[in-house]
Protein backbone atom coordinates (compact mmCIF):
# COMPACT_ATOMS: atom_id res chain seq x y z
CA MET A 1 61.71 -20.51 -81.11
CA PHE A 2 61.33 -17.22 -79.08
CA VAL A 3 64.03 -15.20 -77.48
CA VAL A 4 64.71 -15.01 -73.77
CA ASP A 5 66.34 -11.79 -72.66
CA PRO A 6 68.21 -11.93 -69.28
CA GLN A 7 68.60 -8.14 -69.16
CA SER A 8 64.78 -7.58 -69.44
CA SER A 9 62.85 -6.29 -66.38
CA THR A 10 60.22 -9.18 -67.14
CA PRO A 11 61.27 -12.33 -65.02
CA LEU A 12 62.71 -15.24 -67.03
CA VAL A 13 59.87 -17.55 -66.00
CA THR A 14 57.30 -14.99 -67.27
CA GLN A 15 59.18 -14.65 -70.59
CA ILE A 16 59.20 -18.50 -71.29
CA VAL A 17 55.60 -19.08 -70.27
CA GLY A 18 54.58 -16.00 -72.46
CA GLY A 19 56.70 -17.15 -75.41
CA PHE A 20 55.30 -20.73 -75.41
CA ARG A 21 51.69 -19.35 -74.96
CA LEU A 22 52.13 -17.20 -77.94
CA MET A 23 53.38 -19.90 -80.03
CA VAL A 24 50.57 -22.34 -79.03
CA GLU A 25 47.82 -19.79 -79.63
CA ASP A 26 49.03 -18.62 -83.11
CA GLY A 27 49.59 -22.13 -84.25
CA SER A 28 53.32 -22.30 -84.41
CA LEU A 29 53.28 -25.07 -82.03
CA ARG A 30 50.48 -27.61 -82.71
CA ALA A 31 48.74 -29.96 -80.50
CA GLY A 32 50.95 -33.02 -79.81
CA ALA A 33 54.29 -31.31 -80.63
CA LYS A 34 57.06 -32.08 -78.20
CA ALA A 35 58.59 -29.14 -76.35
CA PRO A 36 62.44 -29.03 -75.91
CA SER A 37 63.50 -31.06 -72.86
CA ILE A 38 64.03 -28.92 -69.91
CA ARG A 39 68.01 -29.25 -70.16
CA GLN A 40 67.85 -28.58 -73.93
CA PHE A 41 65.97 -25.31 -73.35
CA ALA A 42 68.15 -24.21 -70.43
CA HIS A 43 71.28 -24.81 -72.35
CA ALA A 44 70.07 -23.34 -75.55
CA HIS A 45 68.94 -20.08 -73.96
CA GLY A 46 71.34 -19.65 -71.25
CA VAL A 47 69.07 -20.02 -68.21
CA SER A 48 69.16 -22.31 -65.11
CA VAL A 49 67.31 -25.69 -65.22
CA TYR A 50 65.31 -24.62 -62.20
CA THR A 51 63.83 -21.52 -64.22
CA VAL A 52 62.72 -23.92 -67.05
CA VAL A 53 61.24 -26.40 -64.60
CA ASP A 54 59.22 -23.59 -62.96
CA ALA A 55 58.09 -22.34 -66.46
CA TYR A 56 57.11 -25.79 -67.72
CA ASP A 57 55.27 -26.57 -64.59
CA ARG A 58 53.38 -23.24 -65.03
CA LEU A 59 52.52 -24.05 -68.49
CA VAL A 60 51.18 -27.47 -67.40
CA ALA A 61 49.05 -25.73 -64.82
CA LEU A 62 47.75 -23.35 -67.44
CA GLY A 63 46.90 -26.06 -69.79
CA TYR A 64 49.33 -25.28 -72.52
CA LEU A 65 51.69 -28.34 -71.96
CA GLN A 66 51.11 -31.86 -70.69
CA SER A 67 53.70 -33.98 -68.99
CA GLN A 68 54.11 -37.73 -70.14
CA ALA A 69 56.18 -39.93 -67.86
CA HIS A 70 59.70 -40.79 -69.17
CA SER A 71 58.85 -38.96 -72.47
CA GLY A 72 58.82 -35.20 -71.72
CA PHE A 73 56.36 -32.28 -72.38
CA PHE A 74 53.98 -32.06 -75.29
CA VAL A 75 51.70 -29.30 -76.44
CA ARG A 76 48.24 -29.91 -75.05
CA SER A 77 45.07 -29.99 -77.32
CA ARG A 78 43.20 -26.76 -76.57
CA GLY A 79 39.90 -27.70 -78.03
CA ALA A 80 39.25 -31.23 -76.73
CA ALA A 81 36.22 -31.69 -74.73
CA GLY A 82 36.73 -32.05 -71.15
CA THR A 83 40.40 -31.12 -71.13
CA THR A 84 40.34 -27.55 -70.09
CA LEU A 85 38.14 -25.20 -68.00
CA VAL A 86 37.86 -21.55 -68.46
CA GLY A 87 38.55 -19.30 -65.19
CA ALA A 88 39.99 -15.98 -64.27
CA GLY A 89 40.48 -15.25 -68.12
CA THR A 90 42.89 -18.26 -68.48
CA GLN A 91 42.45 -21.96 -69.15
CA TYR A 92 43.36 -24.37 -66.55
CA SER A 93 43.27 -28.18 -66.85
CA PHE A 94 43.29 -31.29 -64.56
CA ASP A 95 47.15 -30.85 -64.64
CA SER A 96 46.68 -28.13 -62.13
CA MET A 97 46.41 -30.81 -59.58
CA TRP A 98 49.34 -32.60 -60.91
CA TYR A 99 51.16 -29.31 -60.58
CA LEU A 100 50.09 -29.07 -56.85
CA SER A 101 50.99 -32.65 -56.13
CA ARG A 102 54.42 -32.45 -57.65
CA ILE A 103 55.60 -29.39 -56.06
CA PHE A 104 53.48 -28.92 -52.94
CA GLU A 105 52.54 -32.13 -51.51
CA ASN A 106 55.49 -34.34 -52.37
CA ARG A 107 55.90 -36.65 -49.37
CA LYS A 108 58.91 -38.33 -50.71
CA LEU A 109 61.01 -35.54 -49.43
CA HIS A 110 61.94 -36.30 -45.83
CA ASN A 111 62.37 -32.75 -44.54
CA LYS A 112 59.11 -30.70 -44.99
CA PRO A 113 59.36 -27.11 -43.77
CA GLY A 114 57.03 -26.09 -46.60
CA CYS A 115 54.09 -28.39 -45.81
CA GLY A 116 50.72 -27.86 -44.14
CA TRP A 117 50.74 -30.45 -41.47
CA LEU A 118 52.33 -31.13 -38.07
CA PRO A 119 55.05 -33.89 -37.51
CA GLY A 120 53.64 -37.21 -36.10
CA ASP A 121 55.09 -36.70 -32.69
CA TRP A 122 53.40 -33.43 -32.49
CA LEU A 123 49.95 -34.89 -32.96
CA PHE A 124 47.46 -36.81 -30.41
CA GLY A 125 48.67 -40.24 -31.45
CA ASP A 126 48.29 -41.76 -27.94
CA GLY A 127 44.85 -40.49 -27.73
CA LEU A 128 43.90 -41.77 -31.13
CA LYS A 129 45.23 -45.13 -30.20
CA ARG A 130 43.27 -45.20 -26.87
CA SER A 131 40.12 -44.21 -28.80
CA GLN A 132 40.81 -47.02 -31.27
CA ARG A 133 41.19 -49.58 -28.70
CA ALA A 134 37.97 -48.46 -26.91
CA LEU A 135 36.10 -48.55 -30.23
CA LEU A 136 37.22 -52.04 -31.08
CA ALA A 137 36.53 -53.09 -27.57
CA ALA A 138 33.01 -51.94 -27.74
CA ASP A 139 32.33 -54.02 -30.84
CA VAL A 140 30.19 -51.28 -32.29
CA GLU A 141 27.77 -52.31 -35.10
CA MET A 142 29.34 -50.60 -38.18
CA GLY A 143 27.02 -51.87 -40.88
CA GLY A 144 25.22 -49.38 -43.19
CA TYR A 145 26.41 -46.04 -44.21
CA GLY A 146 25.94 -44.07 -40.93
CA GLU A 147 24.13 -40.72 -40.68
CA PRO A 148 24.50 -38.56 -43.77
CA ARG A 149 25.23 -35.45 -41.50
CA GLY A 150 27.79 -37.42 -39.52
CA PHE A 151 28.14 -39.16 -36.13
CA LEU A 152 25.56 -37.34 -33.87
CA PRO A 153 27.55 -37.40 -30.69
CA LEU A 154 30.55 -35.69 -32.46
CA ARG A 155 28.05 -33.16 -34.00
CA GLN A 156 26.91 -32.37 -30.65
CA LEU A 157 30.47 -31.98 -29.30
CA VAL A 158 31.06 -29.47 -32.15
CA ARG A 159 27.90 -27.65 -31.18
CA ASP A 160 29.21 -27.24 -27.74
CA ASN A 161 32.82 -26.23 -28.75
CA LEU A 162 31.28 -23.63 -31.07
CA ALA A 163 29.18 -22.24 -28.37
CA ALA A 164 32.31 -21.60 -26.23
CA ARG A 165 33.57 -19.73 -29.23
CA GLU A 166 30.19 -17.71 -29.05
CA ILE A 167 28.69 -19.29 -32.10
CA VAL A 168 25.18 -20.44 -31.16
CA LEU A 169 23.61 -23.25 -33.17
CA SER A 170 22.07 -26.60 -32.86
CA ALA A 171 23.61 -29.98 -33.78
CA ASP A 172 21.44 -30.11 -36.95
CA GLN A 173 23.43 -27.05 -38.11
CA VAL A 174 26.67 -29.07 -38.09
CA LEU A 175 27.77 -31.14 -41.04
CA LEU A 176 30.69 -33.55 -40.58
CA THR A 177 33.08 -33.77 -43.63
CA GLN A 178 36.05 -35.71 -44.83
CA GLY A 179 38.38 -32.98 -43.54
CA SER A 180 38.10 -29.24 -44.14
CA SER A 181 39.14 -29.85 -47.75
CA GLN A 182 35.72 -31.55 -48.46
CA ALA A 183 33.89 -28.75 -46.48
CA MET A 184 35.49 -26.06 -48.54
CA ASP A 185 34.72 -28.16 -51.78
CA LEU A 186 31.00 -28.47 -50.85
CA SER A 187 30.78 -24.66 -50.22
CA ALA A 188 32.50 -23.90 -53.57
CA ARG A 189 30.21 -26.44 -55.48
CA ASN A 190 27.03 -25.15 -53.90
CA LEU A 191 27.84 -21.30 -54.22
CA VAL A 192 30.04 -21.00 -57.31
CA ARG A 193 29.30 -21.47 -61.06
CA ALA A 194 31.74 -21.08 -63.99
CA GLY A 195 32.19 -17.40 -64.59
CA ASP A 196 31.36 -16.31 -61.15
CA THR A 197 33.50 -13.75 -59.40
CA VAL A 198 34.94 -15.03 -56.22
CA LEU A 199 36.88 -13.12 -53.69
CA VAL A 200 39.85 -15.01 -52.01
CA ASP A 201 42.62 -14.07 -49.70
CA GLU A 202 45.84 -13.04 -51.58
CA PRO A 203 47.99 -14.91 -50.94
CA GLY A 204 45.55 -17.66 -50.24
CA TYR A 205 44.79 -21.27 -49.28
CA ALA A 206 46.49 -23.22 -52.10
CA ASN A 207 44.08 -26.14 -52.28
CA LEU A 208 41.04 -23.89 -52.49
CA LEU A 209 42.59 -21.71 -55.29
CA PHE A 210 43.13 -24.81 -57.35
CA SER A 211 39.64 -26.11 -56.73
CA LEU A 212 38.05 -22.62 -57.40
CA ARG A 213 39.85 -22.41 -60.78
CA PHE A 214 38.69 -25.99 -61.68
CA LEU A 215 35.18 -24.76 -61.15
CA GLY A 216 35.82 -21.97 -63.65
CA ALA A 217 35.49 -19.09 -60.98
CA LYS A 218 37.07 -15.65 -61.84
CA LEU A 219 39.35 -15.16 -58.79
CA ILE A 220 39.70 -11.63 -57.27
CA GLY A 221 42.57 -11.24 -54.49
CA ALA A 222 41.94 -9.62 -51.06
CA PRO A 223 45.25 -8.59 -50.16
CA ARG A 224 46.53 -9.67 -46.71
CA THR A 225 48.34 -7.43 -44.37
CA PRO A 226 50.35 -8.32 -41.29
CA ILE A 227 47.35 -7.27 -39.20
CA GLY A 228 44.66 -8.86 -41.45
CA TYR A 229 43.22 -7.25 -44.36
CA ASP A 230 43.75 -4.15 -46.56
CA LEU A 231 40.28 -2.83 -46.00
CA GLU A 232 40.67 0.06 -48.36
CA LEU A 233 41.71 -2.10 -51.30
CA LEU A 234 39.30 -4.69 -50.23
CA GLU A 235 36.27 -2.52 -50.54
CA GLN A 236 37.35 -1.15 -53.86
CA ARG A 237 37.74 -4.58 -55.31
CA ILE A 238 34.25 -5.62 -53.93
CA ALA A 239 32.64 -2.50 -55.26
CA GLN A 240 34.27 -3.03 -58.77
CA HIS A 241 33.83 -6.84 -59.01
CA ARG A 242 30.79 -7.64 -56.92
CA PRO A 243 31.79 -11.12 -55.85
CA LYS A 244 29.34 -13.75 -55.12
CA VAL A 245 31.24 -15.24 -52.27
CA PHE A 246 34.34 -14.56 -50.18
CA PHE A 247 36.58 -17.34 -49.10
CA THR A 248 38.67 -16.22 -46.12
CA GLN A 249 40.90 -17.37 -43.21
CA PRO A 250 40.84 -14.61 -40.66
CA ARG A 251 42.83 -16.47 -37.86
CA LEU A 252 46.38 -17.74 -38.22
CA HIS A 253 46.08 -17.30 -41.95
CA SER A 254 47.81 -19.84 -44.21
CA PRO A 255 50.42 -18.82 -45.52
CA THR A 256 51.09 -15.67 -43.89
CA GLY A 257 50.10 -16.41 -40.21
CA SER A 258 48.34 -13.02 -39.70
CA THR A 259 45.17 -12.67 -37.75
CA ALA A 260 42.61 -10.09 -38.53
CA SER A 261 41.31 -7.73 -35.64
CA LEU A 262 37.75 -7.43 -34.36
CA SER A 263 37.23 -4.12 -36.14
CA GLN A 264 38.24 -5.69 -39.49
CA LEU A 265 35.92 -8.58 -39.09
CA HIS A 266 33.19 -6.17 -38.44
CA ARG A 267 33.99 -4.31 -41.62
CA VAL A 268 34.09 -7.40 -43.67
CA LEU A 269 30.61 -8.32 -42.42
CA GLN A 270 29.29 -4.76 -43.24
CA LEU A 271 30.64 -5.16 -46.64
CA ALA A 272 29.05 -8.49 -47.14
CA GLU A 273 25.72 -6.92 -46.13
CA LYS A 274 26.20 -3.89 -48.37
CA TYR A 275 27.18 -5.81 -51.52
CA ASP A 276 25.28 -8.94 -50.81
CA PHE A 277 27.68 -11.79 -50.83
CA VAL A 278 28.30 -14.90 -48.74
CA VAL A 279 31.29 -15.36 -46.60
CA VAL A 280 33.04 -18.78 -46.09
CA GLU A 281 35.21 -18.65 -43.06
CA ASN A 282 38.00 -21.22 -42.93
CA ASP A 283 38.97 -21.47 -39.15
CA ILE A 284 40.77 -24.68 -39.11
CA TYR A 285 43.51 -23.45 -36.87
CA ALA A 286 41.38 -22.21 -34.06
CA ASP A 287 42.51 -24.86 -31.65
CA LEU A 288 46.03 -23.57 -32.23
CA ASP A 289 45.18 -19.96 -31.10
CA PRO A 290 46.29 -19.29 -27.61
CA GLN A 291 44.02 -16.15 -27.58
CA ALA A 292 40.34 -15.98 -27.65
CA HIS A 293 39.99 -14.20 -30.97
CA PRO A 294 36.42 -13.64 -32.39
CA SER A 295 35.27 -15.28 -35.59
CA LEU A 296 33.26 -13.81 -38.43
CA ALA A 297 30.82 -16.61 -37.59
CA SER A 298 30.51 -15.48 -33.79
CA LEU A 299 29.84 -11.91 -34.98
CA ASP A 300 27.40 -12.87 -37.78
CA GLN A 301 25.83 -16.13 -36.02
CA LEU A 302 25.70 -17.92 -39.54
CA LYS A 303 23.32 -15.48 -41.19
CA ARG A 304 25.82 -14.90 -44.13
CA VAL A 305 28.76 -16.92 -42.91
CA ILE A 306 29.56 -20.63 -43.55
CA TYR A 307 31.94 -21.73 -40.73
CA ILE A 308 34.62 -24.51 -41.40
CA GLY A 309 36.74 -26.29 -38.80
CA SER A 310 38.79 -29.54 -38.76
CA PHE A 311 40.47 -31.96 -36.25
CA SER A 312 42.90 -33.09 -38.75
CA LYS A 313 45.61 -30.50 -37.77
CA THR A 314 45.50 -31.56 -34.10
CA ILE A 315 44.67 -35.20 -33.87
CA SER A 316 45.95 -36.63 -37.11
CA PRO A 317 45.65 -35.75 -40.91
CA ASN A 318 45.06 -39.33 -41.62
CA ILE A 319 41.43 -39.50 -40.04
CA ARG A 320 40.33 -36.77 -42.29
CA VAL A 321 37.53 -35.43 -39.99
CA GLY A 322 36.29 -31.85 -40.50
CA TYR A 323 33.02 -30.06 -40.12
CA MET A 324 30.93 -27.12 -41.36
CA ALA A 325 28.34 -24.99 -39.78
CA ALA A 326 25.74 -22.76 -41.48
CA GLY A 327 22.15 -21.50 -41.36
CA PRO A 328 19.41 -24.26 -41.41
CA VAL A 329 18.35 -23.86 -45.07
CA LEU A 330 21.94 -23.67 -46.45
CA LEU A 331 23.05 -26.59 -44.27
CA ASP A 332 20.37 -28.73 -45.67
CA GLU A 333 21.58 -27.77 -49.30
CA LEU A 334 25.14 -28.72 -48.29
CA ALA A 335 24.11 -31.97 -46.64
CA ARG A 336 22.31 -33.04 -49.84
CA LEU A 337 25.41 -32.23 -51.98
CA LYS A 338 27.48 -34.22 -49.63
CA MET A 339 25.16 -37.18 -50.18
CA LEU A 340 25.05 -36.74 -53.85
CA SER A 341 28.90 -36.70 -54.14
CA GLY A 342 29.70 -39.42 -51.61
CA LEU A 343 26.71 -40.57 -49.47
CA THR A 344 28.27 -40.10 -46.00
CA SER A 345 31.55 -39.41 -44.40
CA SER A 346 33.19 -42.12 -42.46
CA GLU A 347 31.55 -42.94 -39.19
CA PHE A 348 34.42 -45.11 -38.02
CA THR A 349 36.94 -42.18 -38.41
CA GLU A 350 34.29 -39.86 -36.75
CA ARG A 351 33.96 -42.16 -33.86
CA LEU A 352 37.75 -42.27 -33.47
CA ALA A 353 37.86 -38.39 -33.35
CA TYR A 354 35.16 -38.36 -30.99
CA GLY A 355 36.94 -40.78 -28.54
CA ALA A 356 40.23 -38.65 -28.88
CA LEU A 357 38.23 -35.50 -28.20
CA ILE A 358 36.62 -36.73 -24.98
CA ASP A 359 39.90 -38.33 -23.82
CA GLY A 360 40.95 -36.83 -20.45
CA ARG A 361 44.36 -35.78 -21.87
CA TRP A 362 43.00 -33.88 -24.74
CA ARG A 363 43.10 -30.55 -23.26
CA LYS A 364 46.68 -30.95 -21.90
CA HIS A 365 47.68 -32.03 -25.46
CA ILE A 366 46.27 -28.97 -26.97
CA LYS A 367 47.99 -26.61 -24.35
CA THR A 368 51.29 -28.47 -24.90
CA LEU A 369 50.90 -28.04 -28.57
CA LYS A 370 50.12 -24.37 -28.45
CA ASP A 371 53.24 -23.85 -26.11
CA ARG A 372 55.36 -25.93 -28.42
CA LEU A 373 54.45 -23.95 -31.46
CA ALA A 374 55.06 -20.82 -29.69
CA ARG A 375 58.59 -21.65 -28.86
CA ALA A 376 59.13 -22.86 -32.55
CA GLN A 377 57.79 -19.61 -33.81
CA GLN A 378 60.18 -17.59 -31.75
CA LEU A 379 63.15 -19.88 -32.77
CA LEU A 380 62.57 -20.00 -36.44
CA ALA A 381 61.88 -16.28 -36.69
CA SER A 382 65.25 -15.56 -35.08
CA GLN A 383 66.93 -17.99 -37.31
CA LEU A 384 65.32 -16.65 -40.42
CA LEU A 385 66.21 -13.03 -39.61
CA ALA A 386 69.79 -14.04 -38.84
CA ALA A 387 69.85 -15.67 -42.20
CA GLY A 388 68.95 -12.45 -43.90
CA PHE A 389 65.09 -13.11 -44.40
CA GLU A 390 62.43 -10.53 -44.12
CA LEU A 391 59.41 -11.69 -42.15
CA PHE A 392 55.73 -10.62 -43.18
CA THR A 393 54.77 -10.68 -39.59
CA GLU A 394 55.60 -12.57 -36.30
CA PRO A 395 52.28 -14.16 -35.21
CA LYS A 396 54.00 -15.99 -32.30
CA ALA A 397 51.39 -18.61 -32.75
CA GLY A 398 50.21 -21.25 -35.16
CA MET A 399 52.18 -23.16 -37.76
CA PHE A 400 53.43 -20.74 -40.34
CA LEU A 401 55.95 -17.97 -40.98
CA TRP A 402 55.82 -15.95 -44.32
CA ALA A 403 59.38 -14.88 -45.28
CA ARG A 404 61.43 -13.76 -48.32
CA HIS A 405 65.07 -13.42 -48.85
CA PRO A 406 66.53 -10.42 -50.81
CA ALA A 407 68.78 -12.64 -52.85
CA VAL A 408 65.84 -14.72 -54.09
CA GLN A 409 63.44 -13.35 -56.70
CA ASN A 410 61.58 -16.38 -57.57
CA ALA A 411 61.08 -18.75 -54.63
CA ALA A 412 60.23 -21.66 -56.76
CA GLU A 413 63.99 -21.99 -58.09
CA LEU A 414 64.91 -22.07 -54.39
CA ALA A 415 62.37 -24.87 -53.83
CA TYR A 416 63.95 -26.91 -56.58
CA LYS A 417 67.31 -26.52 -55.26
CA ALA A 418 66.15 -27.49 -51.84
CA ALA A 419 64.48 -30.62 -53.20
CA GLU A 420 67.76 -31.73 -54.41
CA GLN A 421 68.85 -31.70 -50.82
CA ASP A 422 65.59 -33.67 -49.70
CA ILE A 423 63.78 -30.56 -48.51
CA LEU A 424 60.29 -29.62 -49.42
CA LEU A 425 59.77 -25.82 -49.31
CA GLY A 426 56.49 -23.90 -50.01
CA PRO A 427 57.21 -21.40 -52.70
CA GLY A 428 54.87 -18.38 -52.93
CA HIS A 429 53.46 -18.77 -56.26
CA LEU A 430 51.55 -21.66 -55.10
CA PHE A 431 49.39 -19.28 -52.71
CA SER A 432 49.00 -16.75 -55.50
CA VAL A 433 45.66 -15.95 -57.24
CA ASP A 434 47.47 -15.57 -60.70
CA LEU A 435 50.30 -18.22 -60.11
CA GLU A 436 52.82 -15.58 -60.88
CA PRO A 437 56.42 -15.94 -59.62
CA SER A 438 56.89 -14.87 -56.00
CA PRO A 439 59.90 -14.29 -53.89
CA TRP A 440 57.97 -15.42 -50.59
CA LEU A 441 58.10 -18.78 -48.98
CA ARG A 442 55.84 -20.42 -46.39
CA PHE A 443 57.75 -22.01 -43.47
CA ASN A 444 56.12 -24.71 -41.18
CA VAL A 445 57.75 -23.86 -37.85
CA ALA A 446 57.31 -27.38 -36.58
CA TRP A 447 59.31 -28.92 -39.45
CA SER A 448 62.15 -26.28 -39.79
CA GLN A 449 64.40 -27.38 -36.88
CA GLU A 450 65.64 -30.54 -38.84
CA GLU A 451 69.23 -30.32 -39.29
CA ALA A 452 69.16 -30.50 -43.21
CA VAL A 453 66.83 -27.38 -43.09
CA GLN A 454 69.23 -25.55 -40.77
CA ARG A 455 72.13 -26.44 -42.94
CA PHE A 456 70.28 -25.14 -46.01
CA LEU A 457 69.45 -21.71 -44.33
CA VAL A 458 73.15 -21.34 -43.29
CA GLU A 459 74.20 -22.03 -46.94
CA LEU A 460 71.63 -19.53 -48.23
CA LYS A 461 73.02 -16.82 -45.52
CA ASP A 462 76.50 -17.47 -46.75
CA ALA A 463 75.49 -17.19 -50.42
CA GLY A 464 73.77 -14.04 -49.80
């Protein structure tokens, strides 16, 4: 077995991952061999259990180990057909989704300051119930599969809402999807092939990054700043790597909360034109923005931009209703791909969303939600600063704050400690292009006022 050096400048997690990778690749550890248990490895090498858990999870995500329930970790076969996919110079496996599920979407934890959705009492539950009652009372015929592009009245409503955001299009240029995740997946599968270079926000949208790795894309990070993009570095990477597509979230970005300025959006589109790539704009937090910021789609009018939105963040995540808008030819391709993969989206949930959106109390709900998030932003920012955290930026709107503590070098270790106290954190490596350890954490301001979370922050402050 290899040696772990606590005095080295290389992080312990990186040393462990590198050691196992080398042993697997040179044949010292053969397929099917059992790795030492987490506690055995931690004790033998004098490192924390949290460090080993993080390293093993990373090795699972990279396709070197696989987890078997109640049995431990075993070396994964590297040559079996269908078990691994090549991307970004590294091999990834289906276990990447296990990794995401285990750390990021663990709903068993009751306190969720690291999650990506709003608490139930922040959502439009009453409006959804009224829509459901009206739909049932109307005794609507729900036989068949519905329209492949989605419920027409809702598409028309999306068209009108986008017109208010200065995006001019027809209802036929709107495709309803099962949440924004399906919209991004359709975009990726339509535009990206194994080996293609793809530009993504760095840090970026975790679900999207895993999806693109699964497709075998070569990911290139577009570094975010507190005011949007690092334009100089962005152009350098575009010129060097010539990406086929840029997946980005200019407004109320997850995880950092930053919003790109008008001049930056113009520059991104100039670069797209100069270097001939498509832009997929994820604008799912537009309804949470108290200011009328422009979008890439409003400047481009869907010539090079695919625009993605969602109602799941503001009505309810469970209804899974999102949408995408694009030029007519590209939208036809996306609609065909949607039919091939799942025929249609659910007309029932689309009707539910439509009923909620035309509810007379919808506008008041959105205003209340924006105000409530603004107050939560201000409160959590002051609490994190008091606890010794550094904030990436203070957006004063939206769901997220991106922060790090000087006493924490690897946020994954802190996330495991928090999980022992029934708290789900969002460690920064999940949002990283290369899955490298990160000191940063994503905080959801709506979930961060729970007593257990506040107590955890106080303990961290005292320990620091």
